[in-house]
């Protein structure tokens, strides 16, 4: 069973639903695994818990 972990800044739930659907479809296409065997975890990290280049995204 494919397991996918997505780490992102918080998104609107509809955006996350669409992302999960598209990722699942891509994994099914690539691996021929049945969609009900594809597990997707979405981990949201607030902007004050994520940094790029040593600067919190919240501070940009």
PDB file of N, CA and C in Angstrom:
ATOM      1  N   UNK A   1       0.843  -1.171   0.000  1.00  0.00           N
ATOM      2  CA  UNK A   1       0.000   0.000   0.000  1.00  0.00           C
ATOM      3  C   UNK A   1       0.889   1.235   0.000  1.00  0.00           C
ATOM      4  N   UNK A   2       0.716   2.129  -0.944  1.00  0.00           N
ATOM      5  CA  UNK A   2       1.491   3.367  -0.961  1.00  0.00           C
ATOM      6  C   UNK A   2       1.055   4.306   0.161  1.00  0.00           C
ATOM      7  N   UNK A   3       2.030   4.901   0.820  1.00  0.00           N
ATOM      8  CA  UNK A   3       1.791   5.891   1.863  1.00  0.00           C
ATOM      9  C   UNK A   3       2.450   7.197   1.442  1.00  0.00           C
ATOM     10  N   UNK A   4       1.685   8.254   1.425  1.00  0.00           N
ATOM     11  CA  UNK A   4       2.170   9.562   0.998  1.00  0.00           C
ATOM     12  C   UNK A   4       2.003  10.537   2.156  1.00  0.00           C
ATOM     13  N   UNK A   5       3.043  11.314   2.445  1.00  0.00           N
ATOM     14  CA  UNK A   5       2.977  12.355   3.468  1.00  0.00           C
ATOM     15  C   UNK A   5       3.202  13.698   2.793  1.00  0.00           C
ATOM     16  N   UNK A   6       2.258  14.600   2.987  1.00  0.00           N
ATOM     17  CA  UNK A   6       2.343  15.951   2.432  1.00  0.00           C
ATOM     18  C   UNK A   6       2.507  16.910   3.607  1.00  0.00           C
ATOM     19  N   UNK A   7       3.549  17.705   3.573  1.00  0.00           N
ATOM     20  CA  UNK A   7       3.771  18.725   4.595  1.00  0.00           C
ATOM     21  C   UNK A   7       3.585  20.078   3.926  1.00  0.00           C
ATOM     22  N   UNK A   8       2.734  20.903   4.517  1.00  0.00           N
ATOM     23  CA  UNK A   8       2.402  22.171   3.875  1.00  0.00           C
ATOM     24  C   UNK A   8       2.013  23.222   4.905  1.00  0.00           C
ATOM     25  N   UNK A   9       2.017  24.466   4.450  1.00  0.00           N
ATOM     26  CA  UNK A   9       1.390  25.532   5.226  1.00  0.00           C
ATOM     27  C   UNK A   9      -0.113  25.293   5.161  1.00  0.00           C
ATOM     28  N   UNK A  10      -0.862  25.708   6.168  1.00  0.00           N
ATOM     29  CA  UNK A  10      -2.311  25.474   6.160  1.00  0.00           C
ATOM     30  C   UNK A  10      -2.967  26.019   4.890  1.00  0.00           C
ATOM     31  N   UNK A  11      -3.881  25.232   4.376  1.00  0.00           N
ATOM     32  CA  UNK A  11      -4.620  25.594   3.164  1.00  0.00           C
ATOM     33  C   UNK A  11      -6.114  25.490   3.452  1.00  0.00           C
ATOM     34  N   UNK A  12      -6.906  26.122   2.595  1.00  0.00           N
ATOM     35  CA  UNK A  12      -8.347  25.973   2.647  1.00  0.00           C
ATOM     36  C   UNK A  12      -8.674  24.477   2.496  1.00  0.00           C
ATOM     37  N   UNK A  13      -9.641  23.962   3.242  1.00  0.00           N
ATOM     38  CA  UNK A  13      -9.958  22.533   3.141  1.00  0.00           C
ATOM     39  C   UNK A  13     -10.269  22.058   1.721  1.00  0.00           C
ATOM     40  N   UNK A  14     -10.902  22.900   0.914  1.00  0.00           N
ATOM     41  CA  UNK A  14     -11.198  22.502  -0.471  1.00  0.00           C
ATOM     42  C   UNK A  14      -9.914  22.314  -1.275  1.00  0.00           C
ATOM     43  N   UNK A  15      -8.922  23.155  -1.033  1.00  0.00           N
ATOM     44  CA  UNK A  15      -7.632  23.028  -1.720  1.00  0.00           C
ATOM     45  C   UNK A  15      -6.957  21.721  -1.312  1.00  0.00           C
ATOM     46  N   UNK A  16      -6.997  21.409  -0.022  1.00  0.00           N
ATOM     47  CA  UNK A  16      -6.400  20.170   0.458  1.00  0.00           C
ATOM     48  C   UNK A  16      -7.138  18.960  -0.092  1.00  0.00           C
ATOM     49  N   UNK A  17      -8.459  19.004  -0.152  1.00  0.00           N
ATOM     50  CA  UNK A  17      -9.229  17.899  -0.739  1.00  0.00           C
ATOM     51  C   UNK A  17      -8.816  17.661  -2.190  1.00  0.00           C
ATOM     52  N   UNK A  18      -8.687  18.733  -2.947  1.00  0.00           N
ATOM     53  CA  UNK A  18      -8.291  18.623  -4.347  1.00  0.00           C
ATOM     54  C   UNK A  18      -6.874  18.047  -4.463  1.00  0.00           C
ATOM     55  N   UNK A  19      -5.969  18.516  -3.629  1.00  0.00           N
ATOM     56  CA  UNK A  19      -4.593  18.015  -3.633  1.00  0.00           C
ATOM     57  C   UNK A  19      -4.559  16.524  -3.343  1.00  0.00           C
ATOM     58  N   UNK A  20      -5.276  16.093  -2.314  1.00  0.00           N
ATOM     59  CA  UNK A  20      -5.304  14.677  -1.945  1.00  0.00           C
ATOM     60  C   UNK A  20      -5.874  13.835  -3.087  1.00  0.00           C
ATOM     61  N   UNK A  21      -6.928  14.314  -3.708  1.00  0.00           N
ATOM     62  CA  UNK A  21      -7.518  13.591  -4.837  1.00  0.00           C
ATOM     63  C   UNK A  21      -6.530  13.450  -5.984  1.00  0.00           C
ATOM     64  N   UNK A  22      -5.856  14.561  -6.321  1.00  0.00           N
ATOM     65  CA  UNK A  22      -4.904  14.530  -7.435  1.00  0.00           C
ATOM     66  C   UNK A  22      -3.692  13.648  -7.139  1.00  0.00           C
ATOM     67  N   UNK A  23      -3.197  13.724  -5.913  1.00  0.00           N
ATOM     68  CA  UNK A  23      -2.055  12.875  -5.535  1.00  0.00           C
ATOM     69  C   UNK A  23      -2.466  11.410  -5.586  1.00  0.00           C
ATOM     70  N   UNK A  24      -3.630  11.104  -5.054  1.00  0.00           N
ATOM     71  CA  UNK A  24      -4.120   9.724  -5.100  1.00  0.00           C
ATOM     72  C   UNK A  24      -4.233   9.238  -6.540  1.00  0.00           C
ATOM     73  N   UNK A  25      -4.818  10.044  -7.411  1.00  0.00           N
ATOM     74  CA  UNK A  25      -4.943   9.671  -8.824  1.00  0.00           C
ATOM     75  C   UNK A  25      -3.572   9.425  -9.454  1.00  0.00           C
ATOM     76  N   UNK A  26      -2.592  10.272  -9.143  1.00  0.00           N
ATOM     77  CA  UNK A  26      -1.251  10.113  -9.710  1.00  0.00           C
ATOM     78  C   UNK A  26      -0.589   8.826  -9.218  1.00  0.00           C
ATOM     79  N   UNK A  27      -0.762   8.514  -7.937  1.00  0.00           N
ATOM     80  CA  UNK A  27      -0.166   7.291  -7.385  1.00  0.00           C
ATOM     81  C   UNK A  27      -0.843   6.062  -7.996  1.00  0.00           C
ATOM     82  N   UNK A  28      -2.153   6.100  -8.131  1.00  0.00           N
ATOM     83  CA  UNK A  28      -2.871   4.994  -8.770  1.00  0.00           C
ATOM     84  C   UNK A  28      -2.370   4.800 -10.194  1.00  0.00           C
ATOM     85  N   UNK A  29      -2.214   5.879 -10.925  1.00  0.00           N
ATOM     86  CA  UNK A  29      -1.731   5.808 -12.308  1.00  0.00           C
ATOM     87  C   UNK A  29      -0.318   5.238 -12.376  1.00  0.00           C
ATOM     88  N   UNK A  30       0.548   5.669 -11.489  1.00  0.00           N
ATOM     89  CA  UNK A  30       1.957   5.252 -11.534  1.00  0.00           C
ATOM     90  C   UNK A  30       2.178   3.839 -11.013  1.00  0.00           C
ATOM     91  N   UNK A  31       1.416   3.440  -9.997  1.00  0.00           N
ATOM     92  CA  UNK A  31       1.682   2.148  -9.342  1.00  0.00           C
ATOM     93  C   UNK A  31       0.652   1.084  -9.644  1.00  0.00           C
ATOM     94  N   UNK A  32      -0.471   1.496 -10.218  1.00  0.00           N
ATOM     95  CA  UNK A  32      -1.600   0.592 -10.484  1.00  0.00           C
ATOM     96  C   UNK A  32      -2.201   0.036  -9.197  1.00  0.00           C
ATOM     97  N   UNK A  33      -1.897   0.669  -8.063  1.00  0.00           N
ATOM     98  CA  UNK A  33      -2.520   0.285  -6.793  1.00  0.00           C
ATOM     99  C   UNK A  33      -3.966   0.766  -6.798  1.00  0.00           C
ATOM    100  N   UNK A  34      -4.865   0.022  -6.170  1.00  0.00           N
ATOM    101  CA  UNK A  34      -6.239   0.521  -6.067  1.00  0.00           C
ATOM    102  C   UNK A  34      -6.295   1.758  -5.176  1.00  0.00           C
ATOM    103  N   UNK A  35      -7.149   2.689  -5.527  1.00  0.00           N
ATOM    104  CA  UNK A  35      -7.232   3.959  -4.798  1.00  0.00           C
ATOM    105  C   UNK A  35      -7.498   3.750  -3.311  1.00  0.00           C
ATOM    106  N   UNK A  36      -8.259   2.723  -2.963  1.00  0.00           N
ATOM    107  CA  UNK A  36      -8.565   2.520  -1.549  1.00  0.00           C
ATOM    108  C   UNK A  36      -7.383   1.973  -0.751  1.00  0.00           C
ATOM    109  N   UNK A  37      -6.272   1.712  -1.421  1.00  0.00           N
ATOM    110  CA  UNK A  37      -5.048   1.277  -0.741  1.00  0.00           C
ATOM    111  C   UNK A  37      -4.014   2.395  -0.641  1.00  0.00           C
ATOM    112  N   UNK A  38      -4.310   3.558  -1.229  1.00  0.00           N
ATOM    113  CA  UNK A  38      -3.404   4.702  -1.181  1.00  0.00           C
ATOM    114  C   UNK A  38      -3.741   5.533   0.055  1.00  0.00           C
ATOM    115  N   UNK A  39      -2.774   5.669   0.944  1.00  0.00           N
ATOM    116  CA  UNK A  39      -2.969   6.441   2.175  1.00  0.00           C
ATOM    117  C   UNK A  39      -2.229   7.768   2.035  1.00  0.00           C
ATOM    118  N   UNK A  40      -2.912   8.854   2.357  1.00  0.00           N
ATOM    119  CA  UNK A  40      -2.321  10.188   2.267  1.00  0.00           C
ATOM    120  C   UNK A  40      -2.496  10.878   3.618  1.00  0.00           C
ATOM    121  N   UNK A  41      -1.383  11.326   4.185  1.00  0.00           N
ATOM    122  CA  UNK A  41      -1.402  12.115   5.417  1.00  0.00           C
ATOM    123  C   UNK A  41      -1.035  13.543   5.048  1.00  0.00           C
ATOM    124  N   UNK A  42      -1.787  14.491   5.569  1.00  0.00           N
ATOM    125  CA  UNK A  42      -1.494  15.902   5.344  1.00  0.00           C
ATOM    126  C   UNK A  42      -1.132  16.513   6.697  1.00  0.00           C
ATOM    127  N   UNK A  43       0.075  17.045   6.771  1.00  0.00           N
ATOM    128  CA  UNK A  43       0.547  17.699   7.988  1.00  0.00           C
ATOM    129  C   UNK A  43       0.649  19.191   7.709  1.00  0.00           C
ATOM    130  N   UNK A  44      -0.163  19.967   8.408  1.00  0.00           N
ATOM    131  CA  UNK A  44      -0.127  21.420   8.248  1.00  0.00           C
ATOM    132  C   UNK A  44       0.810  22.018   9.292  1.00  0.00           C
ATOM    133  N   UNK A  45       1.660  22.903   8.837  1.00  0.00           N
ATOM    134  CA  UNK A  45       2.576  23.614   9.723  1.00  0.00           C
ATOM    135  C   UNK A  45       2.292  25.098   9.620  1.00  0.00           C
ATOM    136  N   UNK A  46       1.977  25.762  10.714  1.00  0.00           N
ATOM    137  CA  UNK A  46       1.726  27.197  10.653  1.00  0.00           C
ATOM    138  C   UNK A  46       2.988  27.950  10.233  1.00  0.00           C
ATOM    139  N   UNK A  47       2.801  29.132   9.701  1.00  0.00           N
ATOM    140  CA  UNK A  47       3.908  29.933   9.171  1.00  0.00           C
ATOM    141  C   UNK A  47       4.961  30.259  10.219  1.00  0.00           C
ATOM    142  N   UNK A  48       4.594  30.210  11.497  1.00  0.00           N
ATOM    143  CA  UNK A  48       5.591  30.482  12.535  1.00  0.00           C
ATOM    144  C   UNK A  48       6.302  29.207  13.013  1.00  0.00           C
ATOM    145  N   UNK A  49       6.054  28.101  12.305  1.00  0.00           N
ATOM    146  CA  UNK A  49       6.740  26.838  12.592  1.00  0.00           C
ATOM    147  C   UNK A  49       7.474  26.317  11.355  1.00  0.00           C
ATOM    148  N   UNK A  50       7.712  27.182  10.381  1.00  0.00           N
ATOM    149  CA  UNK A  50       8.339  26.784   9.126  1.00  0.00           C
ATOM    150  C   UNK A  50       9.240  27.924   8.668  1.00  0.00           C
ATOM    151  N   UNK A  51      10.456  27.573   8.284  1.00  0.00           N
ATOM    152  CA  UNK A  51      11.420  28.605   7.877  1.00  0.00           C
ATOM    153  C   UNK A  51      12.050  28.252   6.540  1.00  0.00           C
ATOM    154  N   UNK A  52      12.429  29.275   5.818  1.00  0.00           N
ATOM    155  CA  UNK A  52      13.174  29.148   4.565  1.00  0.00           C
ATOM    156  C   UNK A  52      14.363  30.083   4.661  1.00  0.00           C
ATOM    157  N   UNK A  53      15.549  29.556   4.447  1.00  0.00           N
ATOM    158  CA  UNK A  53      16.747  30.388   4.503  1.00  0.00           C
ATOM    159  C   UNK A  53      16.985  31.000   5.868  1.00  0.00           C
ATOM    160  N   UNK A  54      16.555  30.329   6.922  1.00  0.00           N
ATOM    161  CA  UNK A  54      16.780  30.825   8.266  1.00  0.00           C
ATOM    162  C   UNK A  54      15.786  31.879   8.731  1.00  0.00           C
ATOM    163  N   UNK A  55      14.737  32.103   7.952  1.00  0.00           N
ATOM    164  CA  UNK A  55      13.735  33.113   8.311  1.00  0.00           C
ATOM    165  C   UNK A  55      12.361  32.442   8.352  1.00  0.00           C
ATOM    166  N   UNK A  56      11.647  32.633   9.455  1.00  0.00           N
ATOM    167  CA  UNK A  56      10.296  32.087   9.529  1.00  0.00           C
ATOM    168  C   UNK A  56       9.435  32.652   8.407  1.00  0.00           C
ATOM    169  N   UNK A  57       8.633  31.806   7.821  1.00  0.00           N
ATOM    170  CA  UNK A  57       7.731  32.254   6.754  1.00  0.00           C
ATOM    171  C   UNK A  57       6.806  33.351   7.285  1.00  0.00           C
ATOM    172  N   UNK A  58       6.437  33.260   8.549  1.00  0.00           N
ATOM    173  CA  UNK A  58       5.576  34.289   9.157  1.00  0.00           C
ATOM    174  C   UNK A  58       6.227  35.662   9.161  1.00  0.00           C
ATOM    175  N   UNK A  59       7.564  35.700   9.129  1.00  0.00           N
ATOM    176  CA  UNK A  59       8.284  36.973   9.166  1.00  0.00           C
ATOM    177  C   UNK A  59       8.598  37.535   7.778  1.00  0.00           C
ATOM    178  N   UNK A  60       8.228  36.833   6.756  1.00  0.00           N
ATOM    179  CA  UNK A  60       8.524  37.318   5.392  1.00  0.00           C
ATOM    180  C   UNK A  60       7.447  38.263   4.922  1.00  0.00           C
TER     181      UNK A  60
END
